[in-house]
């Protein structure tokens, strides 16, 4: 149970630089239920306030296995880890859950959050989120045209805005 390992904090009280946490340290996006879930490492995203709610933005390409899970579930988690988990995060970001059952990845212990989402005991910070909006990246709306170079296969992300329901910190 998450309450035994983590303490609940307000989003305003998170320690660290969100730019560094997402872009350099990476985050693990997890969707599904305790008995069937998948996760992926991401370094694209943002956090802030939108519609008077604390939110996080995550970006997932439709061909990613995690996409299937986040599409079906109302809730998901975003977890951050200490540097000692870099290799594990790299594995979760470079190997598809279609090819490796990530539920059995050694070094991660899944647990359920109060909303029924999946988080990991080894995380240092968990954001428990509820999807409140999604949309697809539309290349016609790029205002800086070199962004198109990021998408040579034209496999544009879907982005999700998740309301941060609860934050858990060790």
N, C-alpha and C. Protein backbone atom coordinates (compact mmCIF):
# COMPACT_ATOMS: atom_id res chain seq x y z
N UNK A 1 0.84 -1.18 0.00
CA UNK A 1 0.00 0.00 0.00
C UNK A 1 0.88 1.25 0.00
N UNK A 2 0.59 2.17 -0.87
CA UNK A 2 1.45 3.32 -1.10
C UNK A 2 1.63 4.18 0.16
N UNK A 3 0.60 4.26 0.99
CA UNK A 3 0.66 5.10 2.19
C UNK A 3 1.72 4.63 3.18
N UNK A 4 2.12 3.36 3.11
CA UNK A 4 3.13 2.84 4.04
C UNK A 4 4.54 3.21 3.61
N UNK A 5 4.76 3.45 2.33
CA UNK A 5 6.11 3.74 1.83
C UNK A 5 6.33 5.19 1.46
N UNK A 6 5.28 5.91 1.20
CA UNK A 6 5.37 7.29 0.72
C UNK A 6 4.54 8.20 1.61
N UNK A 7 4.86 9.47 1.56
CA UNK A 7 4.02 10.45 2.23
C UNK A 7 3.38 11.31 1.16
N UNK A 8 2.14 11.69 1.38
CA UNK A 8 1.43 12.52 0.44
C UNK A 8 1.91 13.96 0.57
N UNK A 9 2.15 14.60 -0.59
CA UNK A 9 2.56 16.00 -0.58
C UNK A 9 1.67 16.79 -1.55
N UNK A 10 1.67 18.08 -1.41
CA UNK A 10 0.98 18.95 -2.35
C UNK A 10 1.86 19.14 -3.58
N UNK A 11 1.28 19.26 -4.75
CA UNK A 11 2.10 19.50 -5.95
C UNK A 11 3.02 20.71 -5.82
N UNK A 12 2.60 21.73 -5.10
CA UNK A 12 3.43 22.93 -4.92
C UNK A 12 4.68 22.65 -4.09
N UNK A 13 4.68 21.54 -3.36
CA UNK A 13 5.78 21.23 -2.46
C UNK A 13 6.81 20.28 -3.06
N UNK A 14 6.66 19.92 -4.32
CA UNK A 14 7.61 19.00 -4.94
C UNK A 14 8.99 19.64 -4.96
N UNK A 15 9.97 18.83 -4.58
CA UNK A 15 11.36 19.32 -4.57
C UNK A 15 12.00 18.99 -5.91
N UNK A 16 12.80 19.90 -6.42
CA UNK A 16 13.51 19.66 -7.66
C UNK A 16 12.98 20.53 -8.79
N UNK A 17 13.73 20.52 -9.85
CA UNK A 17 13.42 21.30 -11.05
C UNK A 17 12.67 20.40 -12.02
N UNK A 18 11.45 20.73 -12.35
CA UNK A 18 10.62 19.88 -13.20
C UNK A 18 11.24 19.71 -14.58
N UNK A 19 11.95 20.71 -15.09
CA UNK A 19 12.61 20.58 -16.39
C UNK A 19 13.67 19.49 -16.34
N UNK A 20 14.46 19.51 -15.28
CA UNK A 20 15.50 18.50 -15.11
C UNK A 20 14.90 17.12 -14.82
N UNK A 21 13.87 17.10 -13.97
CA UNK A 21 13.24 15.82 -13.62
C UNK A 21 12.71 15.10 -14.86
N UNK A 22 12.05 15.83 -15.75
CA UNK A 22 11.46 15.21 -16.93
C UNK A 22 12.51 15.03 -18.03
N UNK A 23 13.22 16.09 -18.36
CA UNK A 23 14.11 16.06 -19.51
C UNK A 23 15.42 15.33 -19.30
N UNK A 24 15.97 15.37 -18.09
CA UNK A 24 17.27 14.74 -17.84
C UNK A 24 17.17 13.46 -17.03
N UNK A 25 16.33 13.48 -16.00
CA UNK A 25 16.22 12.31 -15.12
C UNK A 25 15.25 11.27 -15.68
N UNK A 26 14.32 11.72 -16.51
CA UNK A 26 13.30 10.91 -17.15
C UNK A 26 12.18 10.54 -16.17
N UNK A 27 11.06 10.16 -16.75
CA UNK A 27 9.91 9.73 -15.95
C UNK A 27 9.40 8.41 -16.51
N UNK A 28 8.74 7.66 -15.69
CA UNK A 28 8.14 6.39 -16.09
C UNK A 28 6.62 6.58 -16.07
N UNK A 29 6.02 6.47 -17.25
CA UNK A 29 4.57 6.59 -17.38
C UNK A 29 3.99 5.18 -17.32
N UNK A 30 3.05 4.95 -16.42
CA UNK A 30 2.48 3.62 -16.24
C UNK A 30 0.96 3.70 -16.34
N UNK A 31 0.39 2.79 -17.11
CA UNK A 31 -1.07 2.73 -17.25
C UNK A 31 -1.51 1.28 -17.23
N UNK A 32 -2.72 1.07 -16.75
CA UNK A 32 -3.28 -0.27 -16.65
C UNK A 32 -3.71 -0.55 -15.22
N UNK A 33 -4.00 -1.80 -14.98
CA UNK A 33 -4.40 -2.25 -13.64
C UNK A 33 -3.31 -3.15 -13.08
N UNK A 34 -3.33 -3.38 -11.79
CA UNK A 34 -2.28 -4.14 -11.11
C UNK A 34 -2.01 -5.49 -11.76
N UNK A 35 -3.03 -6.12 -12.33
CA UNK A 35 -2.84 -7.45 -12.93
C UNK A 35 -2.49 -7.39 -14.41
N UNK A 36 -2.52 -6.17 -15.02
CA UNK A 36 -2.17 -6.05 -16.44
C UNK A 36 -1.89 -4.58 -16.74
N UNK A 37 -0.61 -4.25 -16.85
CA UNK A 37 -0.20 -2.86 -17.06
C UNK A 37 1.05 -2.84 -17.93
N UNK A 38 1.40 -1.66 -18.36
CA UNK A 38 2.66 -1.46 -19.06
C UNK A 38 3.18 -0.07 -18.71
N UNK A 39 4.47 0.09 -18.87
CA UNK A 39 5.08 1.37 -18.59
C UNK A 39 6.11 1.70 -19.65
N UNK A 40 6.39 2.98 -19.79
CA UNK A 40 7.40 3.44 -20.73
C UNK A 40 8.13 4.64 -20.12
N UNK A 41 9.37 4.75 -20.47
CA UNK A 41 10.17 5.88 -20.04
C UNK A 41 9.96 7.03 -21.01
N UNK A 42 9.89 8.23 -20.48
CA UNK A 42 9.70 9.41 -21.33
C UNK A 42 10.56 10.56 -20.83
N UNK A 43 10.97 11.39 -21.76
CA UNK A 43 11.71 12.60 -21.41
C UNK A 43 11.07 13.83 -22.03
N UNK A 44 9.86 13.66 -22.53
CA UNK A 44 9.07 14.78 -23.05
C UNK A 44 7.87 14.94 -22.15
N UNK A 45 7.60 16.15 -21.76
CA UNK A 45 6.42 16.40 -20.94
C UNK A 45 6.55 17.74 -20.25
N UNK A 46 5.58 18.00 -19.41
CA UNK A 46 5.55 19.26 -18.68
C UNK A 46 4.59 19.12 -17.52
N UNK A 47 4.74 20.00 -16.56
CA UNK A 47 3.82 20.04 -15.42
C UNK A 47 3.52 21.50 -15.11
N UNK A 48 2.34 21.74 -14.59
CA UNK A 48 1.96 23.10 -14.25
C UNK A 48 0.53 23.18 -13.79
N UNK A 49 -0.09 24.29 -14.07
CA UNK A 49 -1.47 24.52 -13.67
C UNK A 49 -2.28 24.84 -14.92
N UNK A 50 -3.40 24.16 -15.08
CA UNK A 50 -4.30 24.40 -16.20
C UNK A 50 -5.72 24.18 -15.69
N UNK A 51 -6.64 25.04 -16.07
CA UNK A 51 -8.03 24.92 -15.66
C UNK A 51 -8.17 24.84 -14.13
N UNK A 52 -7.30 25.58 -13.44
CA UNK A 52 -7.29 25.66 -11.98
C UNK A 52 -6.95 24.31 -11.33
N UNK A 53 -6.23 23.48 -12.07
CA UNK A 53 -5.85 22.16 -11.55
C UNK A 53 -4.36 21.94 -11.73
N UNK A 54 -3.71 21.23 -10.80
CA UNK A 54 -2.32 20.83 -11.05
C UNK A 54 -2.34 19.71 -12.10
N UNK A 55 -1.52 19.85 -13.13
CA UNK A 55 -1.56 18.89 -14.24
C UNK A 55 -0.16 18.49 -14.68
N UNK A 56 -0.12 17.39 -15.41
CA UNK A 56 1.08 16.96 -16.12
C UNK A 56 0.67 16.63 -17.55
N UNK A 57 1.56 16.95 -18.47
CA UNK A 57 1.37 16.64 -19.89
C UNK A 57 2.32 15.51 -20.23
N UNK A 58 1.81 14.44 -20.81
CA UNK A 58 2.66 13.35 -21.28
C UNK A 58 2.36 13.09 -22.75
N UNK A 59 3.36 12.63 -23.47
CA UNK A 59 3.27 12.43 -24.91
C UNK A 59 3.59 10.98 -25.24
N UNK A 60 2.68 10.32 -25.97
CA UNK A 60 2.86 8.90 -26.29
C UNK A 60 2.51 8.69 -27.76
N UNK A 61 3.41 8.03 -28.48
CA UNK A 61 3.13 7.71 -29.87
C UNK A 61 2.15 6.54 -29.93
N UNK A 62 1.25 6.53 -30.90
CA UNK A 62 0.24 5.46 -31.01
C UNK A 62 0.83 4.06 -31.15
N UNK A 63 2.03 3.91 -31.69
CA UNK A 63 2.59 2.57 -31.84
C UNK A 63 3.20 2.02 -30.55
N UNK A 64 3.29 2.85 -29.52
CA UNK A 64 3.83 2.37 -28.24
C UNK A 64 2.79 1.48 -27.56
N UNK A 65 3.25 0.42 -26.94
CA UNK A 65 2.36 -0.51 -26.25
C UNK A 65 1.61 0.19 -25.11
N UNK A 66 2.26 1.12 -24.43
CA UNK A 66 1.62 1.84 -23.33
C UNK A 66 0.41 2.63 -23.81
N UNK A 67 0.42 3.03 -25.08
CA UNK A 67 -0.71 3.78 -25.66
C UNK A 67 -2.02 3.01 -25.49
N UNK A 68 -1.98 1.71 -25.73
CA UNK A 68 -3.19 0.87 -25.59
C UNK A 68 -3.74 0.94 -24.17
N UNK A 69 -2.85 0.96 -23.20
CA UNK A 69 -3.26 0.96 -21.80
C UNK A 69 -3.80 2.32 -21.38
N UNK A 70 -3.11 3.39 -21.75
CA UNK A 70 -3.55 4.72 -21.33
C UNK A 70 -4.86 5.10 -22.01
N UNK A 71 -5.09 4.57 -23.20
CA UNK A 71 -6.36 4.83 -23.89
C UNK A 71 -7.55 4.21 -23.15
N UNK A 72 -7.32 3.06 -22.51
CA UNK A 72 -8.41 2.32 -21.87
C UNK A 72 -8.67 2.73 -20.42
N UNK A 73 -7.71 3.37 -19.79
CA UNK A 73 -7.82 3.66 -18.37
C UNK A 73 -8.03 5.14 -18.12
N UNK A 74 -8.77 5.45 -17.08
CA UNK A 74 -8.96 6.85 -16.70
C UNK A 74 -7.75 7.40 -15.96
N UNK A 75 -7.05 6.53 -15.24
CA UNK A 75 -5.94 6.97 -14.39
C UNK A 75 -4.62 6.38 -14.85
N UNK A 76 -3.55 7.11 -14.55
CA UNK A 76 -2.20 6.64 -14.85
C UNK A 76 -1.27 7.26 -13.81
N UNK A 77 -0.04 6.80 -13.78
CA UNK A 77 0.94 7.39 -12.88
C UNK A 77 2.16 7.84 -13.67
N UNK A 78 2.84 8.79 -13.10
CA UNK A 78 4.14 9.24 -13.59
C UNK A 78 5.07 9.13 -12.40
N UNK A 79 6.15 8.36 -12.56
CA UNK A 79 7.06 8.11 -11.45
C UNK A 79 8.46 8.59 -11.79
N UNK A 80 9.15 9.06 -10.78
CA UNK A 80 10.53 9.52 -10.92
C UNK A 80 11.40 8.69 -9.98
N UNK A 81 12.63 8.42 -10.42
CA UNK A 81 13.53 7.52 -9.71
C UNK A 81 14.88 8.17 -9.49
N UNK A 82 15.64 7.64 -8.54
CA UNK A 82 17.01 8.06 -8.34
C UNK A 82 17.87 7.55 -9.50
N UNK A 83 19.05 8.13 -9.64
CA UNK A 83 19.96 7.81 -10.74
C UNK A 83 20.31 6.33 -10.81
N UNK A 84 20.31 5.64 -9.70
CA UNK A 84 20.66 4.21 -9.69
C UNK A 84 19.71 3.37 -10.54
N UNK A 85 18.57 3.92 -10.92
CA UNK A 85 17.60 3.20 -11.75
C UNK A 85 17.69 3.57 -13.23
N UNK A 86 18.74 4.28 -13.63
CA UNK A 86 18.88 4.75 -15.01
C UNK A 86 18.85 3.59 -16.01
N UNK A 87 19.57 2.50 -15.74
CA UNK A 87 19.57 1.36 -16.66
C UNK A 87 18.18 0.75 -16.80
N UNK A 88 17.47 0.67 -15.71
CA UNK A 88 16.11 0.13 -15.74
C UNK A 88 15.19 1.05 -16.55
N UNK A 89 15.32 2.36 -16.36
CA UNK A 89 14.53 3.31 -17.13
C UNK A 89 14.89 3.22 -18.62
N UNK A 90 16.16 3.03 -18.90
CA UNK A 90 16.58 2.88 -20.28
C UNK A 90 15.94 1.64 -20.90
N UNK A 91 15.92 0.53 -20.17
CA UNK A 91 15.27 -0.70 -20.65
C UNK A 91 13.80 -0.45 -20.94
N UNK A 92 13.10 0.21 -20.02
CA UNK A 92 11.67 0.46 -20.19
C UNK A 92 11.38 1.45 -21.31
N UNK A 93 12.38 2.22 -21.71
CA UNK A 93 12.20 3.17 -22.79
C UNK A 93 12.62 2.66 -24.15
N UNK A 94 13.39 1.57 -24.16
CA UNK A 94 13.89 1.07 -25.45
C UNK A 94 13.34 -0.30 -25.83
N UNK A 95 12.63 -0.94 -24.92
CA UNK A 95 12.08 -2.26 -25.18
C UNK A 95 10.56 -2.20 -25.06
N UNK A 96 9.88 -2.70 -26.06
CA UNK A 96 8.42 -2.70 -26.06
C UNK A 96 7.87 -3.75 -25.10
N UNK A 97 6.78 -3.41 -24.47
CA UNK A 97 6.07 -4.38 -23.64
C UNK A 97 5.49 -5.53 -24.45
N UNK A 98 5.43 -5.38 -25.77
CA UNK A 98 5.02 -6.48 -26.63
C UNK A 98 6.11 -7.55 -26.72
N UNK A 99 7.37 -7.11 -26.51
CA UNK A 99 8.51 -8.02 -26.61
C UNK A 99 9.04 -8.49 -25.27
N UNK A 100 8.73 -7.75 -24.23
CA UNK A 100 9.19 -8.06 -22.88
C UNK A 100 8.05 -7.77 -21.92
N UNK A 101 7.69 -8.74 -21.12
CA UNK A 101 6.65 -8.51 -20.12
C UNK A 101 7.24 -7.64 -19.02
N UNK A 102 6.99 -6.36 -19.11
CA UNK A 102 7.58 -5.42 -18.16
C UNK A 102 7.04 -5.60 -16.75
N UNK A 103 5.93 -6.30 -16.60
CA UNK A 103 5.42 -6.59 -15.26
C UNK A 103 6.40 -7.47 -14.50
N UNK A 104 7.30 -8.15 -15.21
CA UNK A 104 8.27 -9.04 -14.59
C UNK A 104 9.68 -8.47 -14.58
N UNK A 105 9.85 -7.19 -14.87
CA UNK A 105 11.17 -6.59 -14.88
C UNK A 105 11.73 -6.61 -13.46
N UNK A 106 12.91 -7.20 -13.33
CA UNK A 106 13.55 -7.27 -12.03
C UNK A 106 13.99 -5.89 -11.58
N UNK A 107 13.72 -5.57 -10.35
CA UNK A 107 14.10 -4.28 -9.81
C UNK A 107 12.94 -3.32 -9.64
N UNK A 108 11.77 -3.71 -10.11
CA UNK A 108 10.57 -2.89 -9.93
C UNK A 108 9.50 -3.70 -9.22
N UNK A 109 8.94 -3.12 -8.17
CA UNK A 109 7.89 -3.76 -7.41
C UNK A 109 6.62 -2.94 -7.55
N UNK A 110 5.64 -3.48 -8.25
CA UNK A 110 4.40 -2.74 -8.51
C UNK A 110 3.54 -2.68 -7.26
N UNK A 111 2.81 -1.59 -7.15
CA UNK A 111 1.82 -1.43 -6.08
C UNK A 111 0.67 -0.61 -6.64
N UNK A 112 -0.45 -0.69 -5.99
CA UNK A 112 -1.65 0.01 -6.44
C UNK A 112 -1.80 1.32 -5.67
N UNK A 113 -2.20 2.34 -6.39
CA UNK A 113 -2.49 3.63 -5.76
C UNK A 113 -3.96 3.65 -5.33
N UNK A 114 -4.36 4.62 -4.54
CA UNK A 114 -5.77 4.69 -4.14
C UNK A 114 -6.76 4.74 -5.30
N UNK A 115 -6.36 5.30 -6.44
CA UNK A 115 -7.27 5.36 -7.59
C UNK A 115 -7.27 4.08 -8.42
N UNK A 116 -6.43 3.10 -8.03
CA UNK A 116 -6.36 1.84 -8.76
C UNK A 116 -5.29 1.82 -9.85
N UNK A 117 -4.51 2.89 -9.96
CA UNK A 117 -3.41 2.93 -10.93
C UNK A 117 -2.22 2.17 -10.35
N UNK A 118 -1.19 2.00 -11.17
CA UNK A 118 0.00 1.25 -10.76
C UNK A 118 1.17 2.19 -10.59
N UNK A 119 1.89 2.03 -9.48
CA UNK A 119 3.12 2.77 -9.21
C UNK A 119 4.16 1.76 -8.72
N UNK A 120 5.35 2.24 -8.37
CA UNK A 120 6.43 1.34 -7.99
C UNK A 120 7.06 1.76 -6.68
N UNK A 121 7.31 0.76 -5.85
CA UNK A 121 7.90 0.99 -4.53
C UNK A 121 9.24 1.70 -4.61
N UNK A 122 9.99 1.46 -5.68
CA UNK A 122 11.34 1.99 -5.82
C UNK A 122 11.39 3.46 -6.22
N UNK A 123 10.27 4.02 -6.63
CA UNK A 123 10.23 5.42 -7.06
C UNK A 123 10.53 6.35 -5.90
N UNK A 124 11.00 7.54 -6.22
CA UNK A 124 11.19 8.56 -5.18
C UNK A 124 10.03 9.55 -5.16
N UNK A 125 9.30 9.61 -6.29
CA UNK A 125 8.16 10.50 -6.40
C UNK A 125 7.16 9.89 -7.37
N UNK A 126 5.90 9.88 -6.99
CA UNK A 126 4.83 9.35 -7.84
C UNK A 126 3.74 10.40 -7.97
N UNK A 127 3.34 10.65 -9.20
CA UNK A 127 2.18 11.51 -9.47
C UNK A 127 1.05 10.60 -9.92
N UNK A 128 0.00 10.58 -9.15
CA UNK A 128 -1.20 9.79 -9.48
C UNK A 128 -2.14 10.72 -10.24
N UNK A 129 -2.47 10.36 -11.47
CA UNK A 129 -3.14 11.28 -12.37
C UNK A 129 -4.43 10.71 -12.95
N UNK A 130 -5.31 11.61 -13.33
CA UNK A 130 -6.54 11.26 -14.04
C UNK A 130 -6.54 12.01 -15.37
N UNK A 131 -6.76 11.28 -16.46
CA UNK A 131 -6.84 11.93 -17.76
C UNK A 131 -7.99 12.91 -17.77
N UNK A 132 -7.71 14.13 -18.20
CA UNK A 132 -8.79 15.11 -18.32
C UNK A 132 -8.88 15.68 -19.74
N UNK A 133 -7.87 15.39 -20.56
CA UNK A 133 -7.91 15.86 -21.95
C UNK A 133 -6.85 15.12 -22.74
N UNK A 134 -7.10 14.96 -24.03
CA UNK A 134 -6.07 14.45 -24.93
C UNK A 134 -6.29 15.05 -26.31
N UNK A 135 -5.23 15.04 -27.08
CA UNK A 135 -5.29 15.52 -28.45
C UNK A 135 -4.09 14.97 -29.20
N UNK A 136 -4.13 15.05 -30.51
CA UNK A 136 -3.04 14.56 -31.35
C UNK A 136 -2.23 15.72 -31.88
N UNK A 137 -0.94 15.55 -31.93
CA UNK A 137 -0.06 16.54 -32.53
C UNK A 137 -0.40 16.63 -34.02
N UNK A 138 -0.65 17.82 -34.48
CA UNK A 138 -0.99 18.06 -35.89
C UNK A 138 0.14 18.83 -36.55
N UNK A 139 0.82 18.22 -37.51
CA UNK A 139 1.96 18.91 -38.14
C UNK A 139 1.58 20.20 -38.84
N UNK A 140 0.35 20.34 -39.26
CA UNK A 140 -0.08 21.58 -39.92
C UNK A 140 -0.01 22.78 -38.97
N UNK A 141 0.03 22.51 -37.67
CA UNK A 141 0.04 23.60 -36.70
C UNK A 141 1.44 23.96 -36.21
N UNK A 142 2.49 23.27 -36.69
CA UNK A 142 3.85 23.62 -36.31
C UNK A 142 4.14 25.04 -36.79
N UNK A 143 4.63 25.85 -35.91
CA UNK A 143 5.02 27.21 -36.26
C UNK A 143 6.51 27.31 -36.53
N UNK A 144 7.26 26.36 -36.03
CA UNK A 144 8.69 26.26 -36.29
C UNK A 144 8.86 24.96 -37.06
N UNK A 145 9.19 25.07 -38.32
CA UNK A 145 9.08 23.92 -39.21
C UNK A 145 10.19 22.88 -39.04
N UNK A 146 11.25 23.20 -38.32
CA UNK A 146 12.27 22.17 -38.10
C UNK A 146 11.80 21.13 -37.08
N UNK A 147 10.68 21.37 -36.40
CA UNK A 147 10.12 20.36 -35.50
C UNK A 147 9.77 19.10 -36.29
N UNK A 148 9.38 19.28 -37.52
CA UNK A 148 9.01 18.15 -38.38
C UNK A 148 10.13 17.11 -38.46
N UNK A 149 11.39 17.54 -38.29
CA UNK A 149 12.54 16.62 -38.34
C UNK A 149 12.48 15.57 -37.23
N UNK A 150 11.78 15.88 -36.15
CA UNK A 150 11.64 14.93 -35.03
C UNK A 150 10.75 13.76 -35.44
N UNK A 151 9.99 13.94 -36.51
CA UNK A 151 9.01 12.95 -36.95
C UNK A 151 9.29 12.48 -38.39
N UNK A 152 10.44 11.88 -38.66
CA UNK A 152 10.71 11.44 -40.04
C UNK A 152 9.74 10.38 -40.52
N UNK A 153 9.17 9.60 -39.60
CA UNK A 153 8.20 8.56 -39.97
C UNK A 153 6.76 9.09 -39.88
N UNK A 154 6.62 10.38 -39.59
CA UNK A 154 5.30 10.99 -39.45
C UNK A 154 4.43 10.28 -38.41
N UNK A 155 5.07 9.82 -37.34
CA UNK A 155 4.40 9.11 -36.25
C UNK A 155 4.20 10.07 -35.08
N UNK A 156 3.26 10.96 -35.24
CA UNK A 156 3.04 12.04 -34.30
C UNK A 156 2.44 11.54 -32.98
N UNK A 157 2.86 12.19 -31.91
CA UNK A 157 2.40 11.83 -30.58
C UNK A 157 0.93 12.22 -30.35
N UNK A 158 0.33 11.51 -29.43
CA UNK A 158 -0.90 11.97 -28.79
C UNK A 158 -0.45 12.51 -27.44
N UNK A 159 -1.00 13.64 -27.05
CA UNK A 159 -0.65 14.12 -25.72
C UNK A 159 -1.87 14.03 -24.82
N UNK A 160 -1.56 13.75 -23.57
CA UNK A 160 -2.58 13.60 -22.54
C UNK A 160 -2.29 14.63 -21.46
N UNK A 161 -3.35 15.24 -20.98
CA UNK A 161 -3.24 16.12 -19.82
C UNK A 161 -3.85 15.35 -18.67
N UNK A 162 -3.05 15.15 -17.65
CA UNK A 162 -3.52 14.43 -16.48
C UNK A 162 -3.61 15.36 -15.29
N UNK A 163 -4.77 15.38 -14.67
CA UNK A 163 -4.90 16.11 -13.40
C UNK A 163 -4.14 15.31 -12.35
N UNK A 164 -3.29 15.97 -11.62
CA UNK A 164 -2.55 15.31 -10.55
C UNK A 164 -3.48 15.19 -9.35
N UNK A 165 -3.95 13.97 -9.11
CA UNK A 165 -4.87 13.71 -8.01
C UNK A 165 -4.15 13.72 -6.67
N UNK A 166 -3.00 13.04 -6.66
CA UNK A 166 -2.20 12.95 -5.44
C UNK A 166 -0.74 12.82 -5.85
N UNK A 167 0.13 13.35 -5.00
CA UNK A 167 1.57 13.18 -5.19
C UNK A 167 2.10 12.47 -3.96
N UNK A 168 3.00 11.53 -4.24
CA UNK A 168 3.57 10.71 -3.19
C UNK A 168 5.09 10.83 -3.25
N UNK A 169 5.72 11.08 -2.11
CA UNK A 169 7.17 11.26 -2.06
C UNK A 169 7.77 10.42 -0.95
N UNK A 170 8.97 9.95 -1.19
CA UNK A 170 9.70 9.22 -0.12
C UNK A 170 10.48 10.20 0.70
